[in-house]
Amino acid sequence: MCRVLGVSESGYYRYIVNKDKPGNARMESFFATLKKELLYRIPTYRMAIEEVKSAVFRYVFAYYNRTRVYTKNPFGLPPAVYRRLYWKQAA
């Protein structure tokens, strides 16, 4: 359960999250990984917005979900492969 503390000077809401809830940590971790592994390595300042969108889309759907090694999943499997194996075993 989150509790809104109020609006900061910048206009964003500030929250307190219970200790047993991850809050925004998963998304923050994903965006940090996206920046480190993709956006800081390509010259985004010289690219059109559509090119950057395309690069992000390819990164997420071709690399991040299908190829990248994950320490949280058993055997370091990417999410797409792990889901496929999970559903195969469940059937």
Protein backbone atom coordinates (compact mmCIF):
# COMPACT_ATOMS: atom_id res chain seq x y z
CA MET A 1 0.00 0.00 0.00
CA CYS A 2 1.37 3.41 -0.95
CA ARG A 3 0.79 6.62 0.89
CA VAL A 4 1.05 9.90 -1.00
CA LEU A 5 3.17 12.42 0.87
CA GLY A 6 2.42 15.34 -1.40
CA VAL A 7 3.61 17.09 -4.52
CA SER A 8 7.24 18.18 -4.65
CA GLU A 9 8.40 21.49 -6.10
CA SER A 10 9.03 19.82 -9.44
CA GLY A 11 5.39 18.66 -9.63
CA TYR A 12 5.95 14.96 -8.96
CA TYR A 13 4.13 12.97 -6.29
CA ARG A 14 6.23 11.51 -3.50
CA TYR A 15 5.26 8.11 -2.12
CA ILE A 16 6.08 5.91 0.82
CA VAL A 17 5.95 2.21 0.00
CA ASN A 18 5.65 -0.56 2.57
CA LYS A 19 8.82 -2.56 3.12
CA ASP A 20 7.31 -5.74 1.65
CA LYS A 21 6.28 -4.05 -1.62
CA PRO A 22 8.84 -3.37 -4.38
CA GLY A 23 7.19 -0.10 -5.42
CA ASN A 24 8.81 1.29 -8.53
CA ALA A 25 12.08 -0.61 -8.21
CA ARG A 26 11.49 -3.00 -11.11
CA MET A 27 10.78 -0.24 -13.60
CA GLU A 28 13.67 1.87 -12.34
CA SER A 29 15.96 -1.13 -12.72
CA PHE A 30 14.70 -1.77 -16.26
CA PHE A 31 15.21 1.83 -17.35
CA ALA A 32 18.68 1.92 -15.77
CA THR A 33 19.58 -1.22 -17.73
CA LEU A 34 18.10 0.23 -20.92
CA LYS A 35 20.20 3.36 -20.55
CA LYS A 36 23.42 1.52 -19.70
CA GLU A 37 23.14 -1.18 -22.35
CA LEU A 38 21.65 0.81 -25.22
CA LEU A 39 21.03 4.54 -24.98
CA TYR A 40 24.46 5.58 -23.68
CA ARG A 41 26.14 3.54 -26.43
CA ILE A 42 24.43 5.08 -29.46
CA PRO A 43 24.49 8.74 -30.60
CA THR A 44 20.85 9.53 -29.75
CA TYR A 45 21.47 13.26 -30.02
CA ARG A 46 22.05 12.83 -33.78
CA MET A 47 19.16 10.45 -34.40
CA ALA A 48 15.55 11.17 -35.30
CA ILE A 49 12.96 10.28 -32.66
CA GLU A 50 11.62 7.45 -34.81
CA GLU A 51 15.10 5.92 -35.06
CA VAL A 52 15.52 5.99 -31.28
CA LYS A 53 12.05 4.47 -30.80
CA SER A 54 12.94 1.73 -33.27
CA ALA A 55 16.24 1.02 -31.47
CA VAL A 56 14.47 0.79 -28.11
CA PHE A 57 11.77 -1.48 -29.56
CA ARG A 58 14.40 -3.82 -31.07
CA TYR A 59 16.36 -3.85 -27.81
CA VAL A 60 13.34 -4.75 -25.69
CA PHE A 61 11.69 -7.32 -27.93
CA ALA A 62 14.69 -8.86 -29.69
CA TYR A 63 17.44 -8.72 -27.08
CA TYR A 64 16.10 -7.98 -23.58
CA ASN A 65 13.28 -10.56 -23.66
CA ARG A 66 14.87 -13.26 -25.83
CA THR A 67 18.64 -13.27 -25.52
CA ARG A 68 19.85 -11.44 -22.43
CA VAL A 69 20.97 -13.59 -19.47
CA TYR A 70 18.97 -13.16 -16.25
CA THR A 71 20.32 -14.03 -12.84
CA LYS A 72 16.83 -14.18 -11.28
CA ASN A 73 15.52 -16.92 -13.57
CA PRO A 74 16.76 -20.50 -13.17
CA PHE A 75 19.83 -21.23 -15.31
CA GLY A 76 19.97 -17.54 -16.33
CA LEU A 77 17.31 -17.98 -19.00
CA PRO A 78 15.80 -14.96 -20.78
CA PRO A 79 12.12 -14.28 -19.91
CA ALA A 80 10.69 -15.55 -23.22
CA VAL A 81 12.56 -18.86 -22.97
CA TYR A 82 11.70 -19.26 -19.28
CA ARG A 83 7.98 -18.67 -19.95
CA ARG A 84 8.03 -21.19 -22.81
CA LEU A 85 9.63 -23.87 -20.59
CA TYR A 86 7.29 -23.05 -17.71
CA TRP A 87 4.16 -23.45 -19.83
CA LYS A 88 5.54 -26.61 -21.43
CA GLN A 89 6.05 -28.17 -17.97
CA ALA A 90 2.65 -26.97 -16.75
CA ALA A 91 0.85 -28.60 -19.68
